[in-house]
Amino acid sequence: MAGIKVKKGDVVQVIAGKDKGKSGKIIAVDHKKGRVRVEGLNMMTKHTKPSMQNQNGGIITTEAFMDVSNVMYLENGKVTRIGYTFENGEKKRVAKSTDRVID
């Protein structure tokens, strides 16, 4: 599997699945499984027992991981692919549609 080109803090748009068309910020990346967790999207419910941290227990809603192929980088309201370029011996990420260096 090729490397994941999006990283934590990037704003992405979902291009497939139940949240298609929605956008959010990446809050976690699992490089081994090729999955990302996006803020406010792909919500799941989890039933928890009472514990020291959560005295009451109950039902908690939280973000679930989704496959990285279901999201695309969002730049100026448009989705774009990410490529790489070398500047002064450093590898930089580039938005393919605008050729603008991301970071």
PDB file of N, CA and C in Angstrom:
ATOM      1  N   MET A   1       0.831  -1.176   0.000  1.00  0.00           N
ATOM      2  CA  MET A   1       0.000   0.000   0.000  1.00  0.00           C
ATOM      3  C   MET A   1       0.880   1.246   0.000  1.00  0.00           C
ATOM      4  N   ALA A   2       0.498   2.218  -0.815  1.00  0.00           N
ATOM      5  CA  ALA A   2       1.263   3.456  -0.889  1.00  0.00           C
ATOM      6  C   ALA A   2       1.073   4.253   0.402  1.00  0.00           C
ATOM      7  N   GLY A   3       1.963   5.191   0.646  1.00  0.00           N
ATOM      8  CA  GLY A   3       1.880   6.002   1.854  1.00  0.00           C
ATOM      9  C   GLY A   3       0.644   6.889   1.864  1.00  0.00           C
ATOM     10  N   ILE A   4       0.212   7.221   3.054  1.00  0.00           N
ATOM     11  CA  ILE A   4      -0.948   8.104   3.213  1.00  0.00           C
ATOM     12  C   ILE A   4      -0.471   9.536   3.034  1.00  0.00           C
ATOM     13  N   LYS A   5      -1.126  10.262   2.138  1.00  0.00           N
ATOM     14  CA  LYS A   5      -0.679  11.616   1.815  1.00  0.00           C
ATOM     15  C   LYS A   5      -1.349  12.695   2.651  1.00  0.00           C
ATOM     16  N   VAL A   6      -2.463  12.365   3.319  1.00  0.00           N
ATOM     17  CA  VAL A   6      -3.100  13.336   4.211  1.00  0.00           C
ATOM     18  C   VAL A   6      -2.567  13.117   5.617  1.00  0.00           C
ATOM     19  N   LYS A   7      -2.599  14.171   6.437  1.00  0.00           N
ATOM     20  CA  LYS A   7      -2.116  14.014   7.794  1.00  0.00           C
ATOM     21  C   LYS A   7      -3.014  14.741   8.780  1.00  0.00           C
ATOM     22  N   LYS A   8      -2.745  14.538  10.047  1.00  0.00           N
ATOM     23  CA  LYS A   8      -3.549  15.110  11.117  1.00  0.00           C
ATOM     24  C   LYS A   8      -3.609  16.635  10.971  1.00  0.00           C
ATOM     25  N   GLY A   9      -4.811  17.184  11.056  1.00  0.00           N
ATOM     26  CA  GLY A   9      -4.998  18.627  10.930  1.00  0.00           C
ATOM     27  C   GLY A   9      -5.436  19.072   9.550  1.00  0.00           C
ATOM     28  N   ASP A  10      -5.305  18.204   8.532  1.00  0.00           N
ATOM     29  CA  ASP A  10      -5.757  18.542   7.185  1.00  0.00           C
ATOM     30  C   ASP A  10      -7.278  18.573   7.133  1.00  0.00           C
ATOM     31  N   VAL A  11      -7.815  19.481   6.322  1.00  0.00           N
ATOM     32  CA  VAL A  11      -9.255  19.524   6.089  1.00  0.00           C
ATOM     33  C   VAL A  11      -9.535  18.688   4.846  1.00  0.00           C
ATOM     34  N   VAL A  12     -10.439  17.705   4.994  1.00  0.00           N
ATOM     35  CA  VAL A  12     -10.746  16.783   3.908  1.00  0.00           C
ATOM     36  C   VAL A  12     -12.245  16.726   3.675  1.00  0.00           C
ATOM     37  N   GLN A  13     -12.627  16.238   2.497  1.00  0.00           N
ATOM     38  CA  GLN A  13     -14.036  16.031   2.157  1.00  0.00           C
ATOM     39  C   GLN A  13     -14.235  14.543   1.888  1.00  0.00           C
ATOM     40  N   VAL A  14     -15.355  14.007   2.382  1.00  0.00           N
ATOM     41  CA  VAL A  14     -15.673  12.603   2.173  1.00  0.00           C
ATOM     42  C   VAL A  14     -16.240  12.448   0.770  1.00  0.00           C
ATOM     43  N   ILE A  15     -15.701  11.494  -0.007  1.00  0.00           N
ATOM     44  CA  ILE A  15     -16.142  11.309  -1.392  1.00  0.00           C
ATOM     45  C   ILE A  15     -16.924  10.016  -1.580  1.00  0.00           C
ATOM     46  N   ALA A  16     -17.055   9.207  -0.510  1.00  0.00           N
ATOM     47  CA  ALA A  16     -17.817   7.954  -0.611  1.00  0.00           C
ATOM     48  C   ALA A  16     -18.343   7.582   0.761  1.00  0.00           C
ATOM     49  N   GLY A  17     -19.495   6.937   0.794  1.00  0.00           N
ATOM     50  CA  GLY A  17     -20.057   6.459   2.051  1.00  0.00           C
ATOM     51  C   GLY A  17     -21.220   7.298   2.520  1.00  0.00           C
ATOM     52  N   LYS A  18     -21.662   7.044   3.755  1.00  0.00           N
ATOM     53  CA  LYS A  18     -22.873   7.685   4.270  1.00  0.00           C
ATOM     54  C   LYS A  18     -22.705   9.185   4.503  1.00  0.00           C
ATOM     55  N   ASP A  19     -21.479   9.665   4.682  1.00  0.00           N
ATOM     56  CA  ASP A  19     -21.232  11.087   4.901  1.00  0.00           C
ATOM     57  C   ASP A  19     -20.682  11.782   3.652  1.00  0.00           C
ATOM     58  N   LYS A  20     -20.971  11.237   2.480  1.00  0.00           N
ATOM     59  CA  LYS A  20     -20.461  11.787   1.215  1.00  0.00           C
ATOM     60  C   LYS A  20     -20.849  13.259   1.075  1.00  0.00           C
ATOM     61  N   GLY A  21     -19.848  14.091   0.719  1.00  0.00           N
ATOM     62  CA  GLY A  21     -20.080  15.516   0.523  1.00  0.00           C
ATOM     63  C   GLY A  21     -19.774  16.357   1.745  1.00  0.00           C
ATOM     64  N   LYS A  22     -19.671  15.755   2.911  1.00  0.00           N
ATOM     65  CA  LYS A  22     -19.374  16.502   4.131  1.00  0.00           C
ATOM     66  C   LYS A  22     -17.862  16.647   4.290  1.00  0.00           C
ATOM     67  N   SER A  23     -17.456  17.690   5.011  1.00  0.00           N
ATOM     68  CA  SER A  23     -16.029  17.914   5.208  1.00  0.00           C
ATOM     69  C   SER A  23     -15.722  18.095   6.681  1.00  0.00           C
ATOM     70  N   GLY A  24     -14.474  17.876   7.046  1.00  0.00           N
ATOM     71  CA  GLY A  24     -14.035  18.028   8.421  1.00  0.00           C
ATOM     72  C   GLY A  24     -12.528  17.909   8.521  1.00  0.00           C
ATOM     73  N   LYS A  25     -12.034  18.100   9.737  1.00  0.00           N
ATOM     74  CA  LYS A  25     -10.600  18.067   9.988  1.00  0.00           C
ATOM     75  C   LYS A  25     -10.202  16.683  10.478  1.00  0.00           C
ATOM     76  N   ILE A  26      -9.064  16.180  10.002  1.00  0.00           N
ATOM     77  CA  ILE A  26      -8.563  14.879  10.420  1.00  0.00           C
ATOM     78  C   ILE A  26      -8.046  14.991  11.853  1.00  0.00           C
ATOM     79  N   ILE A  27      -8.524  14.086  12.724  1.00  0.00           N
ATOM     80  CA  ILE A  27      -8.085  14.114  14.122  1.00  0.00           C
ATOM     81  C   ILE A  27      -7.168  12.946  14.469  1.00  0.00           C
ATOM     82  N   ALA A  28      -7.137  11.908  13.613  1.00  0.00           N
ATOM     83  CA  ALA A  28      -6.235  10.776  13.857  1.00  0.00           C
ATOM     84  C   ALA A  28      -5.978  10.040  12.551  1.00  0.00           C
ATOM     85  N   VAL A  29      -4.770   9.468  12.422  1.00  0.00           N
ATOM     86  CA  VAL A  29      -4.393   8.699  11.239  1.00  0.00           C
ATOM     87  C   VAL A  29      -3.789   7.374  11.703  1.00  0.00           C
ATOM     88  N   ASP A  30      -4.268   6.266  11.113  1.00  0.00           N
ATOM     89  CA  ASP A  30      -3.711   4.947  11.378  1.00  0.00           C
ATOM     90  C   ASP A  30      -2.956   4.511  10.123  1.00  0.00           C
ATOM     91  N   HIS A  31      -1.643   4.657  10.141  1.00  0.00           N
ATOM     92  CA  HIS A  31      -0.829   4.387   8.956  1.00  0.00           C
ATOM     93  C   HIS A  31      -0.802   2.902   8.599  1.00  0.00           C
ATOM     94  N   LYS A  32      -0.820   2.033   9.589  1.00  0.00           N
ATOM     95  CA  LYS A  32      -0.748   0.595   9.322  1.00  0.00           C
ATOM     96  C   LYS A  32      -1.980   0.092   8.593  1.00  0.00           C
ATOM     97  N   LYS A  33      -3.158   0.551   9.006  1.00  0.00           N
ATOM     98  CA  LYS A  33      -4.404   0.075   8.404  1.00  0.00           C
ATOM     99  C   LYS A  33      -4.901   0.987   7.287  1.00  0.00           C
ATOM    100  N   GLY A  34      -4.276   2.144   7.093  1.00  0.00           N
ATOM    101  CA  GLY A  34      -4.683   3.058   6.026  1.00  0.00           C
ATOM    102  C   GLY A  34      -6.035   3.690   6.293  1.00  0.00           C
ATOM    103  N   ARG A  35      -6.238   4.138   7.533  1.00  0.00           N
ATOM    104  CA  ARG A  35      -7.525   4.690   7.926  1.00  0.00           C
ATOM    105  C   ARG A  35      -7.345   6.045   8.606  1.00  0.00           C
ATOM    106  N   VAL A  36      -8.387   6.872   8.531  1.00  0.00           N
ATOM    107  CA  VAL A  36      -8.363   8.188   9.167  1.00  0.00           C
ATOM    108  C   VAL A  36      -9.641   8.382   9.976  1.00  0.00           C
ATOM    109  N   ARG A  37      -9.558   9.241  10.979  1.00  0.00           N
ATOM    110  CA  ARG A  37     -10.718   9.628  11.783  1.00  0.00           C
ATOM    111  C   ARG A  37     -10.945  11.112  11.541  1.00  0.00           C
ATOM    112  N   VAL A  38     -12.165  11.473  11.093  1.00  0.00           N
ATOM    113  CA  VAL A  38     -12.481  12.848  10.734  1.00  0.00           C
ATOM    114  C   VAL A  38     -13.461  13.421  11.757  1.00  0.00           C
ATOM    115  N   GLU A  39     -13.186  14.652  12.201  1.00  0.00           N
ATOM    116  CA  GLU A  39     -13.979  15.308  13.230  1.00  0.00           C
ATOM    117  C   GLU A  39     -15.441  15.467  12.812  1.00  0.00           C
ATOM    118  N   GLY A  40     -16.349  14.894  13.602  1.00  0.00           N
ATOM    119  CA  GLY A  40     -17.780  15.058  13.382  1.00  0.00           C
ATOM    120  C   GLY A  40     -18.382  14.169  12.306  1.00  0.00           C
ATOM    121  N   LEU A  41     -17.588  13.289  11.697  1.00  0.00           N
ATOM    122  CA  LEU A  41     -18.094  12.428  10.626  1.00  0.00           C
ATOM    123  C   LEU A  41     -17.934  10.959  10.992  1.00  0.00           C
ATOM    124  N   ASN A  42     -18.739  10.105  10.351  1.00  0.00           N
ATOM    125  CA  ASN A  42     -18.738   8.665  10.577  1.00  0.00           C
ATOM    126  C   ASN A  42     -18.950   8.352  12.058  1.00  0.00           C
ATOM    127  N   MET A  43     -19.983   8.975  12.639  1.00  0.00           N
ATOM    128  CA  MET A  43     -20.261   8.825  14.064  1.00  0.00           C
ATOM    129  C   MET A  43     -20.797   7.426  14.377  1.00  0.00           C
ATOM    130  N   MET A  44     -20.365   6.896  15.518  1.00  0.00           N
ATOM    131  CA  MET A  44     -20.848   5.598  15.978  1.00  0.00           C
ATOM    132  C   MET A  44     -21.249   5.721  17.441  1.00  0.00           C
ATOM    133  N   THR A  45     -22.114   4.829  17.895  1.00  0.00           N
ATOM    134  CA  THR A  45     -22.503   4.822  19.297  1.00  0.00           C
ATOM    135  C   THR A  45     -21.794   3.677  19.995  1.00  0.00           C
ATOM    136  N   LYS A  46     -21.424   3.926  21.242  1.00  0.00           N
ATOM    137  CA  LYS A  46     -20.703   2.933  22.025  1.00  0.00           C
ATOM    138  C   LYS A  46     -21.358   2.870  23.399  1.00  0.00           C
ATOM    139  N   HIS A  47     -21.708   1.667  23.823  1.00  0.00           N
ATOM    140  CA  HIS A  47     -22.308   1.475  25.136  1.00  0.00           C
ATOM    141  C   HIS A  47     -21.193   1.223  26.143  1.00  0.00           C
ATOM    142  N   THR A  48     -21.175   2.003  27.227  1.00  0.00           N
ATOM    143  CA  THR A  48     -20.103   1.881  28.210  1.00  0.00           C
ATOM    144  C   THR A  48     -20.662   1.563  29.590  1.00  0.00           C
ATOM    145  N   LYS A  49     -19.908   0.783  30.337  1.00  0.00           N
ATOM    146  CA  LYS A  49     -20.255   0.496  31.727  1.00  0.00           C
ATOM    147  C   LYS A  49     -19.774   1.653  32.592  1.00  0.00           C
ATOM    148  N   PRO A  50     -20.359   1.825  33.767  1.00  0.00           N
ATOM    149  CA  PRO A  50     -19.835   2.846  34.686  1.00  0.00           C
ATOM    150  C   PRO A  50     -18.387   2.540  35.070  1.00  0.00           C
ATOM    151  N   SER A  51     -17.552   3.574  35.113  1.00  0.00           N
ATOM    152  CA  SER A  51     -16.147   3.414  35.478  1.00  0.00           C
ATOM    153  C   SER A  51     -15.723   4.634  36.281  1.00  0.00           C
ATOM    154  N   MET A  52     -14.462   4.690  36.633  1.00  0.00           N
ATOM    155  CA  MET A  52     -13.964   5.836  37.406  1.00  0.00           C
ATOM    156  C   MET A  52     -14.033   7.126  36.592  1.00  0.00           C
ATOM    157  N   GLN A  53     -13.734   7.059  35.281  1.00  0.00           N
ATOM    158  CA  GLN A  53     -13.780   8.254  34.441  1.00  0.00           C
ATOM    159  C   GLN A  53     -15.220   8.653  34.122  1.00  0.00           C
ATOM    160  N   ASN A  54     -16.083   7.666  33.877  1.00  0.00           N
ATOM    161  CA  ASN A  54     -17.470   7.916  33.509  1.00  0.00           C
ATOM    162  C   ASN A  54     -18.358   7.244  34.554  1.00  0.00           C
ATOM    163  N   GLN A  55     -18.785   8.004  35.565  1.00  0.00           N
ATOM    164  CA  GLN A  55     -19.513   7.442  36.697  1.00  0.00           C
ATOM    165  C   GLN A  55     -20.854   6.826  36.289  1.00  0.00           C
ATOM    166  N   ASN A  56     -21.539   7.444  35.316  1.00  0.00           N
ATOM    167  CA  ASN A  56     -22.872   6.983  34.949  1.00  0.00           C
ATOM    168  C   ASN A  56     -22.862   5.882  33.892  1.00  0.00           C
ATOM    169  N   GLY A  57     -21.846   5.836  33.060  1.00  0.00           N
ATOM    170  CA  GLY A  57     -21.855   4.913  31.933  1.00  0.00           C
ATOM    171  C   GLY A  57     -22.837   5.426  30.891  1.00  0.00           C
ATOM    172  N   GLY A  58     -23.424   4.537  30.093  1.00  0.00           N
ATOM    173  CA  GLY A  58     -24.425   4.945  29.110  1.00  0.00           C
ATOM    174  C   GLY A  58     -23.914   4.860  27.693  1.00  0.00           C
ATOM    175  N   ILE A  59     -24.568   5.621  26.810  1.00  0.00           N
ATOM    176  CA  ILE A  59     -24.262   5.575  25.383  1.00  0.00           C
ATOM    177  C   ILE A  59     -23.448   6.807  25.006  1.00  0.00           C
ATOM    178  N   ILE A  60     -22.300   6.569  24.393  1.00  0.00           N
ATOM    179  CA  ILE A  60     -21.400   7.644  23.959  1.00  0.00           C
ATOM    180  C   ILE A  60     -21.331   7.626  22.439  1.00  0.00           C
ATOM    181  N   THR A  61     -21.404   8.796  21.800  1.00  0.00           N
ATOM    182  CA  THR A  61     -21.204   8.861  20.350  1.00  0.00           C
ATOM    183  C   THR A  61     -19.806   9.402  20.091  1.00  0.00           C
ATOM    184  N   THR A  62     -19.107   8.760  19.181  1.00  0.00           N
ATOM    185  CA  THR A  62     -17.734   9.144  18.865  1.00  0.00           C
ATOM    186  C   THR A  62     -17.451   8.875  17.392  1.00  0.00           C
ATOM    187  N   GLU A  63     -16.384   9.466  16.880  1.00  0.00           N
ATOM    188  CA  GLU A  63     -15.997   9.267  15.493  1.00  0.00           C
ATOM    189  C   GLU A  63     -15.348   7.906  15.316  1.00  0.00           C
ATOM    190  N   ALA A  64     -15.681   7.231  14.223  1.00  0.00           N
ATOM    191  CA  ALA A  64     -15.054   5.957  13.887  1.00  0.00           C
ATOM    192  C   ALA A  64     -14.068   6.189  12.743  1.00  0.00           C
ATOM    193  N   PHE A  65     -13.115   5.269  12.604  1.00  0.00           N
ATOM    194  CA  PHE A  65     -12.166   5.369  11.507  1.00  0.00           C
ATOM    195  C   PHE A  65     -12.848   5.044  10.184  1.00  0.00           C
ATOM    196  N   MET A  66     -12.387   5.677   9.099  1.00  0.00           N
ATOM    197  CA  MET A  66     -12.841   5.346   7.750  1.00  0.00           C
ATOM    198  C   MET A  66     -11.614   5.195   6.869  1.00  0.00           C
ATOM    199  N   ASP A  67     -11.768   4.495   5.755  1.00  0.00           N
ATOM    200  CA  ASP A  67     -10.645   4.250   4.868  1.00  0.00           C
ATOM    201  C   ASP A  67     -10.169   5.556   4.240  1.00  0.00           C
ATOM    202  N   VAL A  68      -8.864   5.690   4.082  1.00  0.00           N
ATOM    203  CA  VAL A  68      -8.287   6.927   3.548  1.00  0.00           C
ATOM    204  C   VAL A  68      -8.698   7.162   2.096  1.00  0.00           C
ATOM    205  N   SER A  69      -9.086   6.095   1.377  1.00  0.00           N
ATOM    206  CA  SER A  69      -9.512   6.251  -0.012  1.00  0.00           C
ATOM    207  C   SER A  69     -10.864   6.939  -0.123  1.00  0.00           C
ATOM    208  N   ASN A  70     -11.598   7.059   0.983  1.00  0.00           N
ATOM    209  CA  ASN A  70     -12.912   7.700   0.967  1.00  0.00           C
ATOM    210  C   ASN A  70     -12.847   9.194   1.242  1.00  0.00           C
ATOM    211  N   VAL A  71     -11.648   9.760   1.421  1.00  0.00           N
ATOM    212  CA  VAL A  71     -11.513  11.194   1.661  1.00  0.00           C
ATOM    213  C   VAL A  71     -10.522  11.804   0.669  1.00  0.00           C
ATOM    214  N   MET A  72     -10.724  13.084   0.383  1.00  0.00           N
ATOM    215  CA  MET A  72      -9.788  13.837  -0.463  1.00  0.00           C
ATOM    216  C   MET A  72      -9.479  15.162   0.199  1.00  0.00           C
ATOM    217  N   TYR A  73      -8.266  15.646  -0.006  1.00  0.00           N
ATOM    218  CA  TYR A  73      -7.818  16.918   0.552  1.00  0.00           C
ATOM    219  C   TYR A  73      -8.666  18.055  -0.006  1.00  0.00           C
ATOM    220  N   LEU A  74      -9.041  18.989   0.849  1.00  0.00           N
ATOM    221  CA  LEU A  74      -9.898  20.105   0.463  1.00  0.00           C
ATOM    222  C   LEU A  74      -9.083  21.393   0.497  1.00  0.00           C
ATOM    223  N   GLU A  75      -9.049  22.088  -0.653  1.00  0.00           N
ATOM    224  CA  GLU A  75      -8.317  23.355  -0.737  1.00  0.00           C
ATOM    225  C   GLU A  75      -9.203  24.392  -1.412  1.00  0.00           C
ATOM    226  N   ASN A  76      -9.460  25.494  -0.724  1.00  0.00           N
ATOM    227  CA  ASN A  76     -10.306  26.575  -1.232  1.00  0.00           C
ATOM    228  C   ASN A  76     -11.681  26.063  -1.677  1.00  0.00           C
ATOM    229  N   GLY A  77     -12.240  25.122  -0.925  1.00  0.00           N
ATOM    230  CA  GLY A  77     -13.571  24.605  -1.230  1.00  0.00           C
ATOM    231  C   GLY A  77     -13.625  23.577  -2.335  1.00  0.00           C
ATOM    232  N   LYS A  78     -12.488  23.182  -2.880  1.00  0.00           N
ATOM    233  CA  LYS A  78     -12.443  22.183  -3.949  1.00  0.00           C
ATOM    234  C   LYS A  78     -11.560  21.017  -3.532  1.00  0.00           C
ATOM    235  N   VAL A  79     -11.974  19.812  -3.924  1.00  0.00           N
ATOM    236  CA  VAL A  79     -11.139  18.648  -3.619  1.00  0.00           C
ATOM    237  C   VAL A  79     -10.006  18.565  -4.620  1.00  0.00           C
ATOM    238  N   THR A  80      -8.864  18.092  -4.156  1.00  0.00           N
ATOM    239  CA  THR A  80      -7.702  17.973  -5.018  1.00  0.00           C
ATOM    240  C   THR A  80      -6.838  16.798  -4.560  1.00  0.00           C
ATOM    241  N   ARG A  81      -6.081  16.271  -5.491  1.00  0.00           N
ATOM    242  CA  ARG A  81      -5.115  15.232  -5.147  1.00  0.00           C
ATOM    243  C   ARG A  81      -3.861  15.895  -4.585  1.00  0.00           C
ATOM    244  N   ILE A  82      -3.042  15.081  -3.912  1.00  0.00           N
ATOM    245  CA  ILE A  82      -1.810  15.591  -3.319  1.00  0.00           C
ATOM    246  C   ILE A  82      -0.636  14.915  -3.998  1.00  0.00           C
ATOM    247  N   GLY A  83       0.352  15.721  -4.370  1.00  0.00           N
ATOM    248  CA  GLY A  83       1.580  15.198  -4.946  1.00  0.00           C
ATOM    249  C   GLY A  83       2.759  15.684  -4.120  1.00  0.00           C
ATOM    250  N   TYR A  84       3.945  15.405  -4.598  1.00  0.00           N
ATOM    251  CA  TYR A  84       5.156  15.808  -3.891  1.00  0.00           C
ATOM    252  C   TYR A  84       6.113  16.510  -4.841  1.00  0.00           C
ATOM    253  N   THR A  85       6.902  17.424  -4.299  1.00  0.00           N
ATOM    254  CA  THR A  85       7.961  18.082  -5.045  1.00  0.00           C
ATOM    255  C   THR A  85       9.140  18.293  -4.100  1.00  0.00           C
ATOM    256  N   PHE A  86      10.293  18.546  -4.658  1.00  0.00           N
ATOM    257  CA  PHE A  86      11.478  18.790  -3.853  1.00  0.00           C
ATOM    258  C   PHE A  86      11.909  20.234  -4.020  1.00  0.00           C
ATOM    259  N   GLU A  87      12.040  20.934  -2.907  1.00  0.00           N
ATOM    260  CA  GLU A  87      12.527  22.314  -2.909  1.00  0.00           C
ATOM    261  C   GLU A  87      13.695  22.411  -1.934  1.00  0.00           C
ATOM    262  N   ASN A  88      14.814  22.844  -2.426  1.00  0.00           N
ATOM    263  CA  ASN A  88      16.022  22.993  -1.604  1.00  0.00           C
ATOM    264  C   ASN A  88      16.356  21.704  -0.859  1.00  0.00           C
ATOM    265  N   GLY A  89      16.175  20.581  -1.512  1.00  0.00           N
ATOM    266  CA  GLY A  89      16.493  19.299  -0.916  1.00  0.00           C
ATOM    267  C   GLY A  89      15.458  18.778   0.068  1.00  0.00           C
ATOM    268  N   GLU A  90      14.321  19.473   0.204  1.00  0.00           N
ATOM    269  CA  GLU A  90      13.273  19.034   1.123  1.00  0.00           C
ATOM    270  C   GLU A  90      12.054  18.578   0.338  1.00  0.00           C
ATOM    271  N   LYS A  91      11.426  17.515   0.807  1.00  0.00           N
ATOM    272  CA  LYS A  91      10.226  16.989   0.168  1.00  0.00           C
ATOM    273  C   LYS A  91       9.018  17.785   0.676  1.00  0.00           C
ATOM    274  N   LYS A  92       8.227  18.325  -0.232  1.00  0.00           N
ATOM    275  CA  LYS A  92       7.063  19.146   0.122  1.00  0.00           C
ATOM    276  C   LYS A  92       5.801  18.554  -0.491  1.00  0.00           C
ATOM    277  N   ARG A  93       4.670  18.679   0.208  1.00  0.00           N
ATOM    278  CA  ARG A  93       3.381  18.265  -0.352  1.00  0.00           C
ATOM    279  C   ARG A  93       2.821  19.385  -1.211  1.00  0.00           C
ATOM    280  N   VAL A  94       2.203  19.017  -2.343  1.00  0.00           N
ATOM    281  CA  VAL A  94       1.687  19.994  -3.300  1.00  0.00           C
ATOM    282  C   VAL A  94       0.255  19.623  -3.668  1.00  0.00           C
ATOM    283  N   ALA A  95      -0.629  20.628  -3.724  1.00  0.00           N
ATOM    284  CA  ALA A  95      -1.983  20.415  -4.229  1.00  0.00           C
ATOM    285  C   ALA A  95      -1.900  20.342  -5.744  1.00  0.00           C
ATOM    286  N   LYS A  96      -2.341  19.214  -6.321  1.00  0.00           N
ATOM    287  CA  LYS A  96      -2.176  18.980  -7.757  1.00  0.00           C
ATOM    288  C   LYS A  96      -2.947  19.981  -8.614  1.00  0.00           C
ATOM    289  N   SER A  97      -4.145  20.395  -8.175  1.00  0.00           N
ATOM    290  CA  SER A  97      -4.974  21.259  -9.018  1.00  0.00           C
ATOM    291  C   SER A  97      -4.395  22.666  -9.160  1.00  0.00           C
ATOM    292  N   THR A  98      -3.707  23.157  -8.100  1.00  0.00           N
ATOM    293  CA  THR A  98      -3.190  24.515  -8.139  1.00  0.00           C
ATOM    294  C   THR A  98      -1.670  24.606  -8.115  1.00  0.00           C
ATOM    295  N   ASP A  99      -1.006  23.475  -7.939  1.00  0.00           N
ATOM    296  CA  ASP A  99       0.466  23.433  -7.780  1.00  0.00           C
ATOM    297  C   ASP A  99       0.961  24.300  -6.638  1.00  0.00           C
ATOM    298  N   ARG A 100       0.113  24.485  -5.623  1.00  0.00           N
ATOM    299  CA  ARG A 100       0.492  25.272  -4.440  1.00  0.00           C
ATOM    300  C   ARG A 100       1.069  24.349  -3.376  1.00  0.00           C
ATOM    301  N   VAL A 101       2.172  24.753  -2.764  1.00  0.00           N
ATOM    302  CA  VAL A 101       2.808  23.965  -1.715  1.00  0.00           C
ATOM    303  C   VAL A 101       1.932  24.044  -0.455  1.00  0.00           C
ATOM    304  N   ILE A 102       1.581  22.868   0.083  1.00  0.00           N
ATOM    305  CA  ILE A 102       0.725  22.807   1.258  1.00  0.00           C
ATOM    306  C   ILE A 102       1.519  23.073   2.532  1.00  0.00           C
ATOM    307  N   ASP A 103       2.630  22.339   2.684  1.00  0.00           N
ATOM    308  CA  ASP A 103       3.485  22.556   3.849  1.00  0.00           C
ATOM    309  C   ASP A 103       4.906  22.116   3.571  1.00  0.00           C
TER     310      ASP A 103
END
